[in-house]
Amino acid sequence: MESSLLDDFIEPALVTETLLNAPVEKETFQLNILLEGELEFSTDKNGQFKVKDAANKQILTDRVFIANHIDAAQHILRYMAKFSMSKPEVIAHRVVHGGPNLLQHCFINDKVMRQLEAAAEYSPLHHQAAFNLIKYTRSTFSFLPQVACFDTTFHADMPEVSKQLPIDKNLRQQGLHRYGFHGLSCESVVFQLAYEQPKKLIVAHLGSGCSITAINNNQSVDTSMGLTPSGGVMMGTRCGDIDPGVLLYLLRHKHYSLEELDKVINHQSGLLGVSGLSSDMRILHEAATTNPDAQLAIEMFCYAVAKQIGAMTAALNGIDTLVFTGGIGEHDAVVRKIVCNQLDYLKIVLDDKNNNSINTDYIHTISGVNAACAVRVVKSQENVQIARHTAILLKLLPN
């Protein structure tokens, strides 16, 4: 791969002025969202491309053919040209896992690309698509600086007692430890709640991927995901934590290949595996009244989330604020209600009217007046966090 001009004069620069260390301080720069959008992949022209403007108003909903991340990037670029946007000055990428050598947000050069390629084994479910997209944008925009922002960065300074796995020291020294994920989402929650500075905060990021994170004084102290994003609570298609003996059984007695084992862990389990129907919670709710397996999948999911929130409460020795975020966390009032009903021992009480209301605010309080713990729905703003870190990194570029 050809080196860009950026590689000639700068090593992958780390965030030395990171907002993680002082997330409640006033921003030194102003971020203004010009456009924000999302693409839903589909190979039958039923994918959706949605765009909102600076006022958070929906200005486009279009049916599109999007088969992969390169298609998505090209579609976005065509739209930007049509919209007469100014030329980009930097491109930033969300990267789920940078492996043991990339723990801080950084500029991307050839050295970083080699390290990203080596980190593929830590997150096979997400990594290749992101890596291919970075290669594409570096080739297309070779004259622009590009930045990688990692979901693991927020958790990099977790205490050793929660960070380390109970395995042989030689294996731990090879980088096998708990990394944690959804860090940009958690960080966006911390940033948005800066006005109240909850000391003992638990963030339940619930979507196709799920994690529960304990945050003390704005710092991650424990999280449910581990070495890879496959661990923790059950998810859309991922099993989450599972007795390792199950995997040994499948290897020894059912003669599963590594590919078959990967399918079990990442693609055929979770809500889909239990229900036999779908990984989409909306479909399971519709089917639950007549489909016992769909109902069981919902109950198991909510039970796993509630149990993990209890564990994180123990890690924090209490809880001040519980936040639901992510696709399910932000939009599924039924799941929030079931989870919180199992946490009444913590005196977590919901206001049913607020919980069931459709609210477009970035922060929506749903706890009852007699609750001992604030419960909020907070819109995840991962892209905004990426923009903040990118703005900080750009200060490190030579004039």
Protein backbone atom coordinates (compact mmCIF):
# COMPACT_ATOMS: atom_id res chain seq x y z
CA MET A 1 0.00 0.00 0.00
CA GLU A 2 1.32 3.42 -0.92
CA SER A 3 2.15 5.75 1.94
CA SER A 4 0.30 9.04 2.02
CA LEU A 5 2.14 12.32 2.57
CA LEU A 6 0.87 12.23 6.13
CA ASP A 7 2.98 9.15 6.82
CA ASP A 8 6.16 11.01 5.95
CA PHE A 9 6.03 13.37 8.89
CA ILE A 10 3.84 11.93 11.62
CA GLU A 11 3.64 8.68 13.53
CA PRO A 12 0.22 7.50 14.68
CA ALA A 13 -0.47 10.29 17.15
CA LEU A 14 -2.23 9.44 20.36
CA VAL A 15 -4.84 11.52 22.11
CA THR A 16 -2.81 13.36 24.73
CA GLU A 17 -5.53 15.87 25.54
CA THR A 18 -8.25 13.26 25.71
CA LEU A 19 -11.70 14.26 26.89
CA LEU A 20 -11.89 10.94 28.72
CA ASN A 21 -9.81 12.41 31.52
CA ALA A 22 -12.00 15.49 31.86
CA PRO A 23 -15.33 14.79 30.18
CA VAL A 24 -17.22 17.44 32.14
CA GLU A 25 -15.06 20.37 31.13
CA LYS A 26 -16.34 22.83 28.56
CA GLU A 27 -15.42 22.08 24.98
CA THR A 28 -12.61 24.14 23.53
CA PHE A 29 -14.16 23.89 20.08
CA GLN A 30 -17.68 23.96 18.69
CA LEU A 31 -19.09 20.99 16.80
CA ASN A 32 -21.89 21.63 14.37
CA ILE A 33 -23.56 18.69 12.67
CA LEU A 34 -24.25 19.55 9.03
CA LEU A 35 -25.73 16.22 8.00
CA GLU A 36 -26.24 12.95 9.81
CA GLY A 37 -27.46 9.76 8.26
CA GLU A 38 -27.65 6.00 8.34
CA LEU A 39 -27.70 3.26 5.73
CA GLU A 40 -29.45 -0.08 6.03
CA PHE A 41 -27.89 -2.73 3.82
CA SER A 42 -30.01 -4.69 1.33
CA THR A 43 -29.24 -6.42 -1.95
CA ASP A 44 -32.82 -6.16 -3.26
CA LYS A 45 -33.15 -2.35 -3.39
CA ASN A 46 -35.00 -2.37 -0.08
CA GLY A 47 -32.15 -0.87 1.91
CA GLN A 48 -32.84 2.52 3.43
CA PHE A 49 -30.77 5.68 3.30
CA LYS A 50 -31.89 8.28 5.84
CA VAL A 51 -30.44 11.76 6.27
CA LYS A 52 -31.12 14.44 8.87
CA ASP A 53 -30.06 18.07 8.68
CA ALA A 54 -28.50 20.34 11.31
CA ALA A 55 -31.90 20.81 12.98
CA ASN A 56 -32.33 17.01 13.33
CA LYS A 57 -35.05 17.15 10.66
CA GLN A 58 -35.44 14.18 8.32
CA ILE A 59 -34.63 15.48 4.83
CA LEU A 60 -34.25 12.20 2.96
CA THR A 61 -35.58 8.67 3.14
CA ASP A 62 -34.63 6.68 0.08
CA ARG A 63 -34.75 3.02 -0.97
CA VAL A 64 -31.31 1.95 -2.15
CA PHE A 65 -29.24 -1.04 -3.20
CA ILE A 66 -26.42 -1.39 -0.68
CA ALA A 67 -24.55 -4.70 -0.55
CA ASN A 68 -21.47 -3.74 1.49
CA HIS A 69 -19.59 -0.89 3.14
CA ILE A 70 -17.90 0.19 -0.10
CA ASP A 71 -21.31 0.57 -1.75
CA ALA A 72 -22.37 2.61 1.27
CA ALA A 73 -19.36 4.92 1.05
CA GLN A 74 -19.89 5.51 -2.66
CA HIS A 75 -23.58 6.26 -2.12
CA ILE A 76 -22.73 8.78 0.61
CA LEU A 77 -20.14 10.49 -1.58
CA ARG A 78 -22.63 10.81 -4.43
CA TYR A 79 -25.16 12.34 -2.07
CA MET A 80 -22.61 14.79 -0.64
CA ALA A 81 -21.72 15.95 -4.15
CA LYS A 82 -25.41 16.39 -4.99
CA PHE A 83 -25.92 18.33 -1.76
CA SER A 84 -23.03 20.68 -2.65
CA MET A 85 -21.21 19.94 0.58
CA SER A 86 -17.81 21.47 1.16
CA LYS A 87 -14.90 19.10 0.61
CA PRO A 88 -13.98 16.96 3.66
CA GLU A 89 -10.87 17.90 5.60
CA VAL A 90 -10.48 14.61 7.47
CA ILE A 91 -12.12 11.17 7.50
CA ALA A 92 -12.67 9.37 10.80
CA HIS A 93 -13.56 5.71 11.26
CA ARG A 94 -15.10 3.82 14.14
CA VAL A 95 -13.03 0.68 14.77
CA VAL A 96 -14.43 -1.89 17.18
CA HIS A 97 -11.11 -3.51 18.17
CA GLY A 98 -7.55 -2.35 17.59
CA GLY A 99 -5.97 -5.31 19.35
CA PRO A 100 -3.31 -5.02 22.06
CA ASN A 101 -1.21 -2.41 20.21
CA LEU A 102 -3.87 0.16 19.31
CA LEU A 103 -5.56 1.33 22.48
CA GLN A 104 -5.85 5.05 21.79
CA HIS A 105 -7.48 6.97 18.96
CA CYS A 106 -4.87 7.76 16.32
CA PHE A 107 -4.05 8.90 12.80
CA ILE A 108 -3.96 6.07 10.27
CA ASN A 109 -0.75 5.38 8.40
CA ASP A 110 0.78 2.21 6.95
CA LYS A 111 2.05 1.09 10.35
CA VAL A 112 -1.43 1.43 11.84
CA MET A 113 -2.90 -0.45 8.87
CA ARG A 114 -0.59 -3.38 9.57
CA GLN A 115 -1.61 -3.37 13.21
CA LEU A 116 -5.29 -3.18 12.27
CA GLU A 117 -4.89 -6.11 9.92
CA ALA A 118 -3.27 -8.13 12.69
CA ALA A 119 -6.16 -7.29 15.04
CA ALA A 120 -8.75 -8.98 12.79
CA GLU A 121 -8.73 -12.13 14.93
CA TYR A 122 -10.12 -10.19 17.90
CA SER A 123 -13.31 -9.06 16.17
CA PRO A 124 -14.03 -11.12 13.05
CA LEU A 125 -17.70 -10.11 13.09
CA HIS A 126 -16.95 -6.41 12.57
CA HIS A 127 -13.35 -6.03 11.53
CA GLN A 128 -13.07 -6.94 7.87
CA ALA A 129 -15.79 -4.57 6.68
CA ALA A 130 -14.26 -1.66 8.61
CA PHE A 131 -10.76 -2.53 7.37
CA ASN A 132 -11.93 -2.70 3.75
CA LEU A 133 -13.64 0.67 4.10
CA ILE A 134 -10.48 2.26 5.52
CA LYS A 135 -8.47 0.89 2.59
CA TYR A 136 -11.03 2.32 0.18
CA THR A 137 -11.08 5.80 1.71
CA ARG A 138 -7.29 5.94 1.98
CA SER A 139 -7.05 5.08 -1.69
CA THR A 140 -9.79 7.50 -2.74
CA PHE A 141 -8.72 10.35 -0.44
CA SER A 142 -4.99 9.76 -0.18
CA PHE A 143 -4.44 13.50 0.38
CA LEU A 144 -6.59 13.60 3.55
CA PRO A 145 -5.62 12.66 7.11
CA GLN A 146 -7.65 9.74 8.39
CA VAL A 147 -8.35 8.79 11.99
CA ALA A 148 -9.27 5.54 13.75
CA CYS A 149 -11.38 5.82 16.89
CA PHE A 150 -11.62 2.65 18.96
CA ASP A 151 -14.48 1.28 21.00
CA THR A 152 -11.89 -0.17 23.38
CA THR A 153 -10.24 3.17 24.33
CA PHE A 154 -12.82 4.12 26.97
CA HIS A 155 -12.11 0.88 28.85
CA ALA A 156 -8.31 0.86 28.47
CA ASP A 157 -7.69 1.99 32.06
CA MET A 158 -10.04 -0.40 33.82
CA PRO A 159 -8.67 -1.76 37.13
CA GLU A 160 -6.60 -4.91 36.78
CA VAL A 161 -9.08 -6.88 38.89
CA SER A 162 -11.77 -6.41 36.25
CA LYS A 163 -9.50 -6.18 33.22
CA GLN A 164 -7.64 -9.46 33.60
CA LEU A 165 -9.06 -12.87 32.68
CA PRO A 166 -8.58 -15.86 35.02
CA ILE A 167 -6.13 -17.62 32.68
CA ASP A 168 -2.41 -18.41 32.66
CA LYS A 169 -0.15 -15.37 33.03
CA ASN A 170 1.74 -16.23 29.84
CA LEU A 171 -1.52 -15.98 27.88
CA ARG A 172 -2.44 -12.70 29.56
CA GLN A 173 0.93 -11.25 28.61
CA GLN A 174 0.09 -12.00 24.97
CA GLY A 175 -2.80 -9.53 25.11
CA LEU A 176 -5.58 -11.90 26.16
CA HIS A 177 -7.56 -9.78 28.59
CA ARG A 178 -10.86 -7.93 28.85
CA TYR A 179 -10.95 -5.02 26.41
CA GLY A 180 -14.58 -3.94 26.58
CA PHE A 181 -16.57 -2.39 23.73
CA HIS A 182 -19.26 0.20 22.96
CA GLY A 183 -16.79 2.64 24.48
CA LEU A 184 -17.72 5.51 22.17
CA SER A 185 -21.38 5.04 23.07
CA CYS A 186 -20.61 4.96 26.81
CA GLU A 187 -18.44 8.02 26.45
CA SER A 188 -21.23 9.87 24.64
CA VAL A 189 -23.56 9.12 27.56
CA VAL A 190 -21.00 10.44 30.06
CA PHE A 191 -20.56 13.58 27.99
CA GLN A 192 -24.30 14.21 27.71
CA LEU A 193 -24.83 13.71 31.46
CA ALA A 194 -21.94 16.01 32.37
CA TYR A 195 -24.37 18.55 33.83
CA GLU A 196 -25.32 16.15 36.64
CA GLN A 197 -22.07 14.15 36.92
CA PRO A 198 -23.49 10.85 38.22
CA LYS A 199 -20.82 9.22 40.36
CA LYS A 200 -22.07 5.65 39.98
CA LEU A 201 -23.42 5.23 36.46
CA ILE A 202 -24.42 2.02 34.66
CA VAL A 203 -24.89 2.16 30.89
CA ALA A 204 -26.96 -0.59 29.26
CA HIS A 205 -26.17 -0.42 25.55
CA LEU A 206 -28.78 -2.73 24.05
CA GLY A 207 -28.96 -3.35 20.32
CA SER A 208 -27.88 -6.11 17.97
CA GLY A 209 -24.80 -6.08 20.17
CA CYS A 210 -25.21 -5.52 23.91
CA SER A 211 -23.01 -4.54 26.82
CA ILE A 212 -23.44 -3.32 30.37
CA THR A 213 -20.78 -0.96 31.71
CA ALA A 214 -20.06 0.30 35.22
CA ILE A 215 -18.70 3.87 35.27
CA ASN A 216 -17.34 5.49 38.42
CA ASN A 217 -16.57 9.21 38.33
CA ASN A 218 -16.63 9.13 34.50
CA GLN A 219 -14.19 6.20 34.28
CA SER A 220 -15.02 2.67 33.14
CA VAL A 221 -14.36 0.23 35.98
CA ASP A 222 -16.00 -2.91 34.55
CA THR A 223 -17.95 -4.02 31.51
CA SER A 224 -19.70 -7.18 30.39
CA MET A 225 -17.88 -7.76 27.09
CA GLY A 226 -14.43 -9.28 27.28
CA LEU A 227 -11.62 -10.16 24.88
CA THR A 228 -14.03 -9.92 21.95
CA PRO A 229 -17.50 -8.44 21.32
CA SER A 230 -18.94 -11.97 21.52
CA GLY A 231 -18.93 -12.03 25.33
CA GLY A 232 -21.31 -10.69 27.95
CA VAL A 233 -25.11 -10.77 27.83
CA MET A 234 -26.95 -12.58 25.04
CA MET A 235 -27.45 -10.46 21.92
CA GLY A 236 -29.20 -10.54 18.56
CA THR A 237 -27.24 -13.47 17.14
CA ARG A 238 -24.37 -13.78 19.67
CA CYS A 239 -24.54 -16.11 22.64
CA GLY A 240 -22.65 -13.88 25.06
CA ASP A 241 -20.97 -15.59 28.01
CA ILE A 242 -21.27 -19.36 27.79
CA ASP A 243 -19.80 -22.33 29.65
CA PRO A 244 -16.53 -23.02 27.75
CA GLY A 245 -17.30 -26.70 28.25
CA VAL A 246 -20.08 -26.33 25.67
CA LEU A 247 -17.52 -25.30 23.07
CA LEU A 248 -15.19 -28.15 24.02
CA TYR A 249 -18.11 -30.56 23.76
CA LEU A 250 -18.92 -29.36 20.25
CA LEU A 251 -15.27 -29.69 19.24
CA ARG A 252 -14.61 -33.08 20.79
CA HIS A 253 -17.88 -34.94 20.38
CA LYS A 254 -19.68 -33.21 17.50
CA HIS A 255 -16.46 -32.53 15.56
CA TYR A 256 -17.34 -28.93 14.80
CA SER A 257 -14.87 -27.03 12.65
CA LEU A 258 -13.66 -23.59 13.73
CA GLU A 259 -15.97 -22.04 11.14
CA GLU A 260 -18.95 -23.96 12.51
CA LEU A 261 -18.03 -22.93 16.04
CA ASP A 262 -17.84 -19.29 14.96
CA LYS A 263 -21.33 -19.59 13.48
CA VAL A 264 -22.66 -20.95 16.76
CA ILE A 265 -21.09 -18.18 18.84
CA ASN A 266 -21.69 -15.18 16.59
CA HIS A 267 -24.41 -15.94 14.07
CA GLN A 268 -26.82 -18.62 15.29
CA SER A 269 -27.30 -17.87 18.98
CA GLY A 270 -28.81 -15.10 21.11
CA LEU A 271 -32.34 -13.96 20.29
CA LEU A 272 -32.22 -15.75 16.94
CA GLY A 273 -30.97 -19.02 18.37
CA VAL A 274 -33.46 -19.19 21.23
CA SER A 275 -36.47 -18.06 19.23
CA GLY A 276 -35.62 -19.87 16.01
CA LEU A 277 -37.37 -16.94 14.38
CA SER A 278 -35.45 -13.65 14.35
CA SER A 279 -32.77 -11.52 15.97
CA ASP A 280 -35.07 -8.48 15.70
CA MET A 281 -36.76 -7.73 19.01
CA ARG A 282 -39.67 -6.04 17.20
CA ILE A 283 -40.52 -9.27 15.37
CA LEU A 284 -40.22 -11.27 18.60
CA HIS A 285 -42.66 -8.95 20.41
CA GLU A 286 -45.18 -9.43 17.61
CA ALA A 287 -44.82 -13.22 17.76
CA ALA A 288 -44.56 -13.66 21.54
CA THR A 289 -48.29 -14.12 22.24
CA THR A 290 -48.45 -17.22 20.06
CA ASN A 291 -44.83 -18.36 19.91
CA PRO A 292 -43.41 -19.69 23.24
CA ASP A 293 -39.84 -19.65 21.91
CA ALA A 294 -40.11 -15.98 20.97
CA GLN A 295 -41.43 -15.23 24.45
CA LEU A 296 -38.61 -17.25 26.03
CA ALA A 297 -36.02 -15.33 24.00
CA ILE A 298 -37.38 -12.01 25.28
CA GLU A 299 -37.46 -13.24 28.88
CA MET A 300 -33.93 -14.67 28.71
CA PHE A 301 -32.62 -11.44 27.20
CA CYS A 302 -34.20 -9.23 29.86
CA TYR A 303 -33.11 -11.59 32.64
CA ALA A 304 -29.50 -11.54 31.38
CA VAL A 305 -29.50 -7.73 31.21
CA ALA A 306 -31.01 -7.35 34.70
CA LYS A 307 -28.54 -9.85 36.15
CA GLN A 308 -25.60 -8.03 34.62
CA ILE A 309 -26.86 -4.65 35.90
CA GLY A 310 -26.93 -6.24 39.35
CA ALA A 311 -23.32 -7.37 38.90
CA MET A 312 -22.23 -3.90 37.85
CA THR A 313 -24.03 -2.41 40.83
CA ALA A 314 -21.84 -4.64 43.00
CA ALA A 315 -18.76 -3.44 41.11
CA LEU A 316 -19.74 0.17 41.89
CA ASN A 317 -21.00 -0.59 45.40
CA GLY A 318 -24.23 1.17 44.47
CA ILE A 319 -25.92 2.95 41.61
CA ASP A 320 -26.95 6.57 41.08
CA THR A 321 -28.08 6.46 37.45
CA LEU A 322 -29.10 3.72 35.03
CA VAL A 323 -29.02 4.60 31.32
CA PHE A 324 -30.59 2.69 28.45
CA THR A 325 -29.10 3.37 25.02
CA GLY A 326 -28.65 1.61 21.68
CA GLY A 327 -31.43 0.53 19.32
CA ILE A 328 -33.34 -1.62 21.81
CA GLY A 329 -32.42 0.48 24.83
CA GLU A 330 -33.67 3.70 23.23
CA HIS A 331 -36.83 2.40 21.57
CA ASP A 332 -38.15 -0.67 23.41
CA ALA A 333 -40.26 0.37 26.40
CA VAL A 334 -41.35 -3.23 27.05
CA VAL A 335 -37.77 -4.45 27.47
CA ARG A 336 -36.93 -1.51 29.74
CA LYS A 337 -39.98 -2.28 31.90
CA ILE A 338 -39.22 -6.00 32.20
CA VAL A 339 -35.58 -5.33 33.07
CA CYS A 340 -36.41 -2.69 35.69
CA ASN A 341 -39.13 -4.85 37.27
CA GLN A 342 -36.36 -7.33 38.10
CA LEU A 343 -34.36 -4.55 39.79
CA ASP A 344 -36.94 -3.45 42.34
CA TYR A 345 -34.57 -4.52 45.13
CA LEU A 346 -32.47 -1.52 44.06
CA LYS A 347 -35.62 0.64 44.30
CA ILE A 348 -35.50 1.25 40.57
CA VAL A 349 -39.00 2.41 39.68
CA LEU A 350 -40.23 3.56 36.28
CA ASP A 351 -42.82 6.16 35.43
CA ASP A 352 -44.95 4.10 33.03
CA LYS A 353 -46.24 7.15 31.15
CA ASN A 354 -42.76 8.51 30.50
CA ASN A 355 -41.37 5.07 29.70
CA ASN A 356 -44.06 4.43 27.10
CA SER A 357 -44.04 7.90 25.55
CA ILE A 358 -42.36 8.55 22.23
CA ASN A 359 -39.69 11.14 22.95
CA THR A 360 -37.21 12.64 20.50
CA ASP A 361 -35.04 14.34 23.13
CA TYR A 362 -31.47 13.18 23.43
CA ILE A 363 -32.02 12.59 27.18
CA HIS A 364 -35.37 11.32 28.45
CA THR A 365 -36.00 10.60 32.13
CA ILE A 366 -38.25 7.59 32.77
CA SER A 367 -37.77 6.94 36.50
CA GLY A 368 -40.66 7.45 38.92
CA VAL A 369 -40.77 10.13 41.60
CA ASN A 370 -40.11 7.59 44.37
CA ALA A 371 -37.18 5.92 42.65
CA ALA A 372 -33.88 5.74 44.53
CA CYS A 373 -32.01 5.65 41.22
CA ALA A 374 -32.46 7.90 38.19
CA VAL A 375 -33.31 5.98 35.01
CA ARG A 376 -32.77 7.72 31.70
CA VAL A 377 -32.97 6.92 28.01
CA VAL A 378 -30.02 8.61 26.29
CA LYS A 379 -29.46 8.68 22.56
CA SER A 380 -26.08 7.23 21.69
CA GLN A 381 -23.96 9.79 19.84
CA GLU A 382 -20.93 7.78 18.81
CA ASN A 383 -20.36 9.90 15.70
CA VAL A 384 -20.19 13.08 17.76
CA GLN A 385 -17.57 11.51 20.02
CA ILE A 386 -15.56 10.46 16.98
CA ALA A 387 -15.72 14.04 15.70
CA ARG A 388 -14.52 15.39 19.07
CA HIS A 389 -11.52 13.09 19.18
CA THR A 390 -10.71 13.81 15.56
CA ALA A 391 -10.77 17.56 16.23
CA ILE A 392 -8.38 17.04 19.13
CA LEU A 393 -6.03 14.95 17.02
CA LEU A 394 -5.97 17.52 14.23
CA LYS A 395 -4.34 19.93 16.64
CA LEU A 396 -1.33 17.60 16.55
CA LEU A 397 -0.79 18.08 12.82
CA PRO A 398 2.04 20.41 11.78
CA ASN A 399 0.95 23.78 10.40
